[in-house]
C-alpha atoms as a PDB file:
ATOM      1  CA  MET A   1       0.029   0.012   0.023  1.00  0.00           C
ATOM      2  CA  PRO A   2       1.494   3.374  -0.991  1.00  0.00           C
ATOM      3  CA  THR A   3       1.971   6.294   1.269  1.00  0.00           C
ATOM      4  CA  GLY A   4      -0.374   9.287   0.839  1.00  0.00           C
ATOM      5  CA  MET A   5      -2.067  12.098   2.618  1.00  0.00           C
ATOM      6  CA  LEU A   6      -5.169  12.067   4.747  1.00  0.00           C
ATOM      7  CA  THR A   7      -7.458  14.438   2.881  1.00  0.00           C
ATOM      8  CA  GLY A   8     -11.017  13.708   4.050  1.00  0.00           C
ATOM      9  CA  ILE A   9     -13.858  11.756   5.525  1.00  0.00           C
ATOM     10  CA  VAL A  10     -16.429   9.681   3.551  1.00  0.00           C
ATOM     11  CA  ILE A  11     -19.844   9.458   5.171  1.00  0.00           C
ATOM     12  CA  ASP A  12     -22.475   7.059   4.101  1.00  0.00           C
ATOM     13  CA  ALA A  13     -25.896   8.746   3.760  1.00  0.00           C
ATOM     14  CA  ALA A  14     -29.395   7.710   2.799  1.00  0.00           C
ATOM     15  CA  ASP A  15     -30.132  11.393   2.025  1.00  0.00           C
ATOM     16  CA  VAL A  16     -26.921  12.746   0.598  1.00  0.00           C
ATOM     17  CA  ALA A  17     -28.180  16.375   0.208  1.00  0.00           C
ATOM     18  CA  ARG A  18     -29.547  16.590   3.744  1.00  0.00           C
ATOM     19  CA  MET A  19     -26.383  15.081   5.337  1.00  0.00           C
ATOM     20  CA  ASP A  20     -24.033  17.208   3.247  1.00  0.00           C
ATOM     21  CA  ALA A  21     -25.965  20.352   4.291  1.00  0.00           C
ATOM     22  CA  PHE A  22     -25.939  19.212   7.958  1.00  0.00           C
ATOM     23  CA  TRP A  23     -22.226  18.538   8.128  1.00  0.00           C
ATOM     24  CA  ARG A  24     -21.281  21.795   6.266  1.00  0.00           C
ATOM     25  CA  SER A  25     -23.370  23.735   8.749  1.00  0.00           C
ATOM     26  CA  ALA A  26     -22.309  21.680  11.819  1.00  0.00           C
ATOM     27  CA  THR A  27     -18.606  22.226  11.055  1.00  0.00           C
ATOM     28  CA  ARG A  28     -19.200  25.813   9.869  1.00  0.00           C
ATOM     29  CA  ASP A  29     -16.999  24.724   6.909  1.00  0.00           C
ATOM     30  CA  LEU A  30     -14.065  24.793   9.394  1.00  0.00           C
ATOM     31  CA  THR A  31     -12.309  21.487   8.627  1.00  0.00           C
ATOM     32  CA  ASP A  32      -8.621  22.510   8.317  1.00  0.00           C
ATOM     33  CA  GLY A  33      -8.786  21.645   4.609  1.00  0.00           C
ATOM     34  CA  LEU A  34     -10.257  18.160   4.981  1.00  0.00           C
ATOM     35  CA  ARG A  35     -13.124  17.229   2.729  1.00  0.00           C
ATOM     36  CA  LEU A  36     -16.294  15.740   4.207  1.00  0.00           C
ATOM     37  CA  ARG A  37     -17.921  13.804   1.368  1.00  0.00           C
ATOM     38  CA  CYS A  38     -21.314  12.120   1.655  1.00  0.00           C
ATOM     39  CA  VAL A  39     -21.990   9.124  -0.564  1.00  0.00           C
ATOM     40  CA  PRO A  40     -25.298   7.284  -1.078  1.00  0.00           C
ATOM     41  CA  GLU A  41     -25.946   4.205   1.022  1.00  0.00           C
ATOM     42  CA  ARG A  42     -29.372   2.488   1.328  1.00  0.00           C
ATOM     43  CA  GLU A  43     -28.585   0.380   4.440  1.00  0.00           C
ATOM     44  CA  PRO A  44     -29.486   2.122   7.667  1.00  0.00           C
ATOM     45  CA  LYS A  45     -26.959   2.616  10.456  1.00  0.00           C
ATOM     46  CA  ALA A  46     -26.493  -0.456  12.652  1.00  0.00           C
ATOM     47  CA  PRO A  47     -27.745   0.091  16.273  1.00  0.00           C
ATOM     48  CA  VAL A  48     -24.211   0.163  17.753  1.00  0.00           C
ATOM     49  CA  LYS A  49     -21.682   2.952  18.074  1.00  0.00           C
ATOM     50  CA  ASN A  50     -19.589   3.788  14.956  1.00  0.00           C
ATOM     51  CA  ARG A  51     -15.861   2.912  15.157  1.00  0.00           C
ATOM     52  CA  LEU A  52     -15.029   6.368  13.678  1.00  0.00           C
ATOM     53  CA  HIS A  53     -16.603   9.528  14.757  1.00  0.00           C
ATOM     54  CA  LEU A  54     -15.984  13.317  14.567  1.00  0.00           C
ATOM     55  CA  ASP A  55     -15.350  15.835  17.420  1.00  0.00           C
ATOM     56  CA  LEU A  56     -16.419  19.421  17.079  1.00  0.00           C
ATOM     57  CA  ALA A  57     -15.291  22.328  19.180  1.00  0.00           C
ATOM     58  CA  GLY A  58     -18.050  23.755  21.425  1.00  0.00           C
ATOM     59  CA  GLY A  59     -16.135  27.011  22.051  1.00  0.00           C
ATOM     60  CA  PRO A  60     -16.549  29.229  25.106  1.00  0.00           C
ATOM     61  CA  ASP A  61     -20.378  29.209  24.656  1.00  0.00           C
ATOM     62  CA  TRP A  62     -20.632  25.409  24.170  1.00  0.00           C
ATOM     63  CA  ARG A  63     -24.235  25.217  25.449  1.00  0.00           C
ATOM     64  CA  SER A  64     -25.351  27.567  22.631  1.00  0.00           C
ATOM     65  CA  GLU A  65     -23.349  25.464  20.115  1.00  0.00           C
ATOM     66  CA  VAL A  66     -25.026  22.309  21.249  1.00  0.00           C
ATOM     67  CA  ASP A  67     -28.456  24.061  20.859  1.00  0.00           C
ATOM     68  CA  ARG A  68     -27.413  25.209  17.315  1.00  0.00           C
ATOM     69  CA  LEU A  69     -26.540  21.666  16.336  1.00  0.00           C
ATOM     70  CA  LEU A  70     -29.875  20.331  17.739  1.00  0.00           C
ATOM     71  CA  ASP A  71     -31.695  22.965  15.679  1.00  0.00           C
ATOM     72  CA  LEU A  72     -29.831  21.803  12.599  1.00  0.00           C
ATOM     73  CA  GLY A  73     -31.196  18.261  13.075  1.00  0.00           C
ATOM     74  CA  ALA A  74     -28.867  16.563  15.536  1.00  0.00           C
ATOM     75  CA  THR A  75     -30.216  14.606  18.456  1.00  0.00           C
ATOM     76  CA  ARG A  76     -28.719  13.683  21.858  1.00  0.00           C
ATOM     77  CA  ALA A  77     -27.208  10.229  22.050  1.00  0.00           C
ATOM     78  CA  ASP A  78     -26.462   7.853  24.862  1.00  0.00           C
ATOM     79  CA  ILE A  79     -23.597   5.441  24.127  1.00  0.00           C
ATOM     80  CA  GLY A  80     -23.019   4.749  27.761  1.00  0.00           C
ATOM     81  CA  GLN A  81     -20.692   7.683  28.134  1.00  0.00           C
ATOM     82  CA  GLY A  82     -21.852   8.576  31.671  1.00  0.00           C
ATOM     83  CA  ASP A  83     -20.851  11.884  33.177  1.00  0.00           C
ATOM     84  CA  VAL A  84     -18.176  13.266  30.767  1.00  0.00           C
ATOM     85  CA  PRO A  85     -16.956  16.809  29.934  1.00  0.00           C
ATOM     86  CA  TRP A  86     -18.366  16.694  26.392  1.00  0.00           C
ATOM     87  CA  ASP A  87     -21.803  16.256  24.771  1.00  0.00           C
ATOM     88  CA  VAL A  88     -22.596  13.247  22.685  1.00  0.00           C
ATOM     89  CA  LEU A  89     -24.961  13.935  19.763  1.00  0.00           C
ATOM     90  CA  ALA A  90     -25.960  12.116  16.546  1.00  0.00           C
ATOM     91  CA  ASP A  91     -26.386  13.548  13.133  1.00  0.00           C
ATOM     92  CA  PRO A  92     -29.714  13.198  11.273  1.00  0.00           C
ATOM     93  CA  GLU A  93     -28.937   9.566  10.319  1.00  0.00           C
ATOM     94  CA  GLY A  94     -27.784   8.459  13.739  1.00  0.00           C
ATOM     95  CA  ASN A  95     -23.965   8.836  13.375  1.00  0.00           C
ATOM     96  CA  GLU A  96     -22.467   9.798  16.760  1.00  0.00           C
ATOM     97  CA  PHE A  97     -20.276  12.853  17.223  1.00  0.00           C
ATOM     98  CA  CYS A  98     -19.029  14.806  20.157  1.00  0.00           C
ATOM     99  CA  VAL A  99     -19.050  18.458  21.107  1.00  0.00           C
ATOM    100  CA  LEU A 100     -16.026  19.239  23.223  1.00  0.00           C
ATOM    101  CA  ARG A 101     -16.101  21.869  26.039  1.00  0.00           C
ATOM    102  CA  PRO A 102     -13.398  24.515  26.535  1.00  0.00           C
ATOM    103  CA  GLY A 103     -10.189  23.228  27.959  1.00  0.00           C
ATOM    104  CA  HIS A 104     -10.473  19.809  26.394  1.00  0.00           C
ATOM    105  CA  PRO A 105      -6.956  18.419  25.809  1.00  0.00           C
ATOM    106  CA  GLY A 106      -5.582  18.751  22.294  1.00  0.00           C
ATOM    107  CA  VAL A 107      -8.209  21.205  21.045  1.00  0.00           C
ATOM    108  CA  LEU A 108      -6.584  24.068  19.068  1.00  0.00           C
ATOM    109  CA  ALA A 109      -9.728  25.853  17.739  1.00  0.00           C
ATOM    110  CA  ASP A 110     -12.918  27.263  19.242  1.00  0.00           C
ATOM    111  CA  ALA A 111     -15.116  26.124  16.339  1.00  0.00           C
ATOM    112  CA  GLY A 112     -15.491  23.508  13.611  1.00  0.00           C
ATOM    113  CA  LEU A 113     -14.014  20.031  13.251  1.00  0.00           C
ATOM    114  CA  VAL A 114     -11.192  19.403  15.675  1.00  0.00           C
ATOM    115  CA  ALA A 115     -10.692  15.643  15.772  1.00  0.00           C
ATOM    116  CA  ILE A 116     -11.347  12.440  13.898  1.00  0.00           C
ATOM    117  CA  CYS A 117     -11.575   9.649  16.480  1.00  0.00           C
ATOM    118  CA  LEU A 118     -10.871   6.074  15.416  1.00  0.00           C
ATOM    119  CA  ASP A 119     -11.542   3.275  17.927  1.00  0.00           C
ATOM    120  CA  VAL A 120      -8.428   1.114  18.348  1.00  0.00           C
ATOM    121  CA  ALA A 121      -8.032  -1.725  20.870  1.00  0.00           C
ATOM    122  CA  GLU A 122      -5.090  -1.238  23.177  1.00  0.00           C
ATOM    123  CA  GLU A 123      -3.247  -4.316  21.782  1.00  0.00           C
ATOM    124  CA  GLU A 124      -3.644  -2.908  18.194  1.00  0.00           C
ATOM    125  CA  LEU A 125      -2.580   0.598  18.950  1.00  0.00           C
ATOM    126  CA  GLY A 126       1.069   0.218  17.957  1.00  0.00           C
ATOM    127  CA  VAL A 127       0.307  -1.291  14.619  1.00  0.00           C
ATOM    128  CA  GLN A 128      -2.563   1.023  13.892  1.00  0.00           C
ATOM    129  CA  SER A 129      -0.661   4.264  14.810  1.00  0.00           C
ATOM    130  CA  ALA A 130       2.293   3.184  12.634  1.00  0.00           C
ATOM    131  CA  PHE A 131      -0.015   2.319   9.740  1.00  0.00           C
ATOM    132  CA  TRP A 132      -1.788   5.606   9.795  1.00  0.00           C
ATOM    133  CA  GLU A 133       1.345   7.680  10.269  1.00  0.00           C
ATOM    134  CA  SER A 134       2.713   6.100   7.099  1.00  0.00           C
ATOM    135  CA  ARG A 135      -0.485   6.334   5.097  1.00  0.00           C
ATOM    136  CA  SER A 136      -1.641   9.772   6.219  1.00  0.00           C
ATOM    137  CA  ALA A 137       1.599  11.791   6.319  1.00  0.00           C
ATOM    138  CA  TRP A 138       0.378  12.956   9.781  1.00  0.00           C
ATOM    139  CA  HIS A 139       2.750  12.448  12.741  1.00  0.00           C
ATOM    140  CA  SER A 140       2.486  11.618  16.338  1.00  0.00           C
ATOM    141  CA  ALA A 141       1.707  14.767  18.277  1.00  0.00           C
ATOM    142  CA  GLU A 142       1.197  13.230  21.705  1.00  0.00           C
ATOM    143  CA  ARG A 143       0.256  10.113  23.588  1.00  0.00           C
ATOM    144  CA  HIS A 144      -2.742  10.378  25.994  1.00  0.00           C
ATOM    145  CA  ASP A 145      -4.826   8.050  28.112  1.00  0.00           C
ATOM    146  CA  GLY A 146      -3.620   4.975  26.308  1.00  0.00           C
ATOM    147  CA  GLY A 147      -4.117   6.572  22.893  1.00  0.00           C
ATOM    148  CA  VAL A 148      -2.227   8.455  20.233  1.00  0.00           C
ATOM    149  CA  ARG A 149      -2.952  11.836  18.566  1.00  0.00           C
ATOM    150  CA  LEU A 150      -1.611  12.565  15.045  1.00  0.00           C
ATOM    151  CA  ARG A 151      -1.524  15.944  13.319  1.00  0.00           C
ATOM    152  CA  ARG A 152      -0.519  17.005   9.849  1.00  0.00           C
ATOM    153  CA  ASP A 153       1.738  19.625  11.495  1.00  0.00           C
ATOM    154  CA  PRO A 154       2.039  21.108  14.949  1.00  0.00           C
ATOM    155  CA  VAL A 155      -0.488  23.950  14.408  1.00  0.00           C
ATOM    156  CA  ALA A 156      -3.101  21.888  12.454  1.00  0.00           C
ATOM    157  CA  THR A 157      -6.457  22.346  14.106  1.00  0.00           C
ATOM    158  CA  VAL A 158      -7.697  18.836  13.299  1.00  0.00           C
ATOM    159  CA  SER A 159      -6.107  15.716  14.778  1.00  0.00           C
ATOM    160  CA  LEU A 160      -6.567  12.018  14.231  1.00  0.00           C
ATOM    161  CA  VAL A 161      -7.089  10.414  17.696  1.00  0.00           C
ATOM    162  CA  MET A 162      -6.722   6.681  18.081  1.00  0.00           C
ATOM    163  CA  GLY A 163      -7.302   4.556  21.144  1.00  0.00           C
ATOM    164  CA  PRO A 164      -9.516   2.380  23.246  1.00  0.00           C
ATOM    165  CA  PRO A 165     -12.276   1.571  23.871  1.00  0.00           C
ATOM    166  CA  ALA A 166     -12.874  -0.132  20.495  1.00  0.00           C
ATOM    167  CA  ALA A 167     -16.490  -0.598  19.494  1.00  0.00           C
ATOM    168  CA  PRO A 168     -17.258  -4.060  18.061  1.00  0.00           C
ATOM    169  CA  GLY A 169     -17.330  -4.239  14.293  1.00  0.00           C
ATOM    170  CA  ALA A 170     -20.916  -4.133  12.963  1.00  0.00           C
ATOM    171  CA  GLY A 171     -20.343  -4.482   9.286  1.00  0.00           C
ATOM    172  CA  ARG A 172     -18.915  -1.807   7.031  1.00  0.00           C
ATOM    173  CA  ASN A 173     -18.044   1.484   8.776  1.00  0.00           C
ATOM    174  CA  ARG A 174     -20.378   4.354   7.877  1.00  0.00           C
ATOM    175  CA  LEU A 175     -17.583   6.934   8.311  1.00  0.00           C
ATOM    176  CA  ARG A 176     -14.260   6.221   6.654  1.00  0.00           C
ATOM    177  CA  LEU A 177     -10.995   8.015   6.254  1.00  0.00           C
ATOM    178  CA  GLU A 178      -9.976   9.127   2.736  1.00  0.00           C
ATOM    179  CA  VAL A 179      -6.350   9.087   1.567  1.00  0.00           C
ATOM    180  CA  THR A 180      -5.043  10.780  -1.528  1.00  0.00           C
ATOM    181  CA  ALA A 181      -2.039   9.138  -3.144  1.00  0.00           C
ATOM    182  CA  ARG A 182      -0.370   9.288  -6.572  1.00  0.00           C
ATOM    183  CA  ASP A 183       0.084   5.580  -6.806  1.00  0.00           C
ATOM    184  CA  GLY A 184      -1.869   2.549  -5.632  1.00  0.00           C
ATOM    185  CA  LEU A 185      -5.193   1.218  -6.648  1.00  0.00           C
ATOM    186  CA  PRO A 186      -8.026   3.733  -6.095  1.00  0.00           C
ATOM    187  CA  GLY A 187     -11.028   2.374  -4.206  1.00  0.00           C
ATOM    188  CA  GLU A 188     -11.794   0.906  -0.792  1.00  0.00           C
ATOM    189  CA  HIS A 189      -9.071  -0.734   1.335  1.00  0.00           C
ATOM    190  CA  THR A 190      -8.832  -1.818   4.993  1.00  0.00           C
ATOM    191  CA  ASP A 191      -6.395  -0.986   7.715  1.00  0.00           C
ATOM    192  CA  PRO A 192      -4.800  -3.611   9.935  1.00  0.00           C
ATOM    193  CA  ALA A 193      -7.844  -3.601  12.263  1.00  0.00           C
ATOM    194  CA  GLY A 194     -10.309  -4.110   9.401  1.00  0.00           C
ATOM    195  CA  ASN A 195     -11.522  -0.478   9.173  1.00  0.00           C
ATOM    196  CA  GLU A 196     -12.342   0.564   5.617  1.00  0.00           C
ATOM    197  CA  PHE A 197     -10.797   3.572   4.089  1.00  0.00           C
ATOM    198  CA  HIS A 198     -10.859   5.171   0.588  1.00  0.00           C
ATOM    199  CA  LEU A 199      -7.805   5.739  -1.656  1.00  0.00           C
ATOM    200  CA  THR A 200      -8.171   8.433  -4.312  1.00  0.00           C
ATOM    201  CA  ARG A 201      -5.799  10.239  -6.672  1.00  0.00           C
END
């Protein structure tokens, strides 16, 4: 598999137009250059947590930001998170995402997309982090709570966060990383833990 650059996220959607509009508004088009691309998919989301989700910055007025996202069509979600310093919501098709409160570790912006979170079992973390460093051209920025954070560069506002707990696989992932590379076979591939990703040119 060739090296490349992590350039976006692919999101399965039953209603592509609605989901595209939601995510553009939800992120305020602040994605640090990453493309969020919705693609048609008839199968509904499985009733388990996605293995990849997005984190948005709540900013200083995070309660108002949560209300804004709810007005856009998000709903509150319970994935067993308990009492945590962030809010768990779901997009209009049930894909979970988090709204982080001020002071959350590793957040370098007050609005927009700030992290892509990939579930990785503790015993797979070394292999997965090495794989994604080589395929994404992002580099280890820090280790935290048994996980790893990668960034394109030290001041990039979006990071790739990997670590436990890992949700069980429930078929094909509805959110997938997208890598752009000059060589290699375009299409869908899998990382060492079986997570699908897209290779484009």
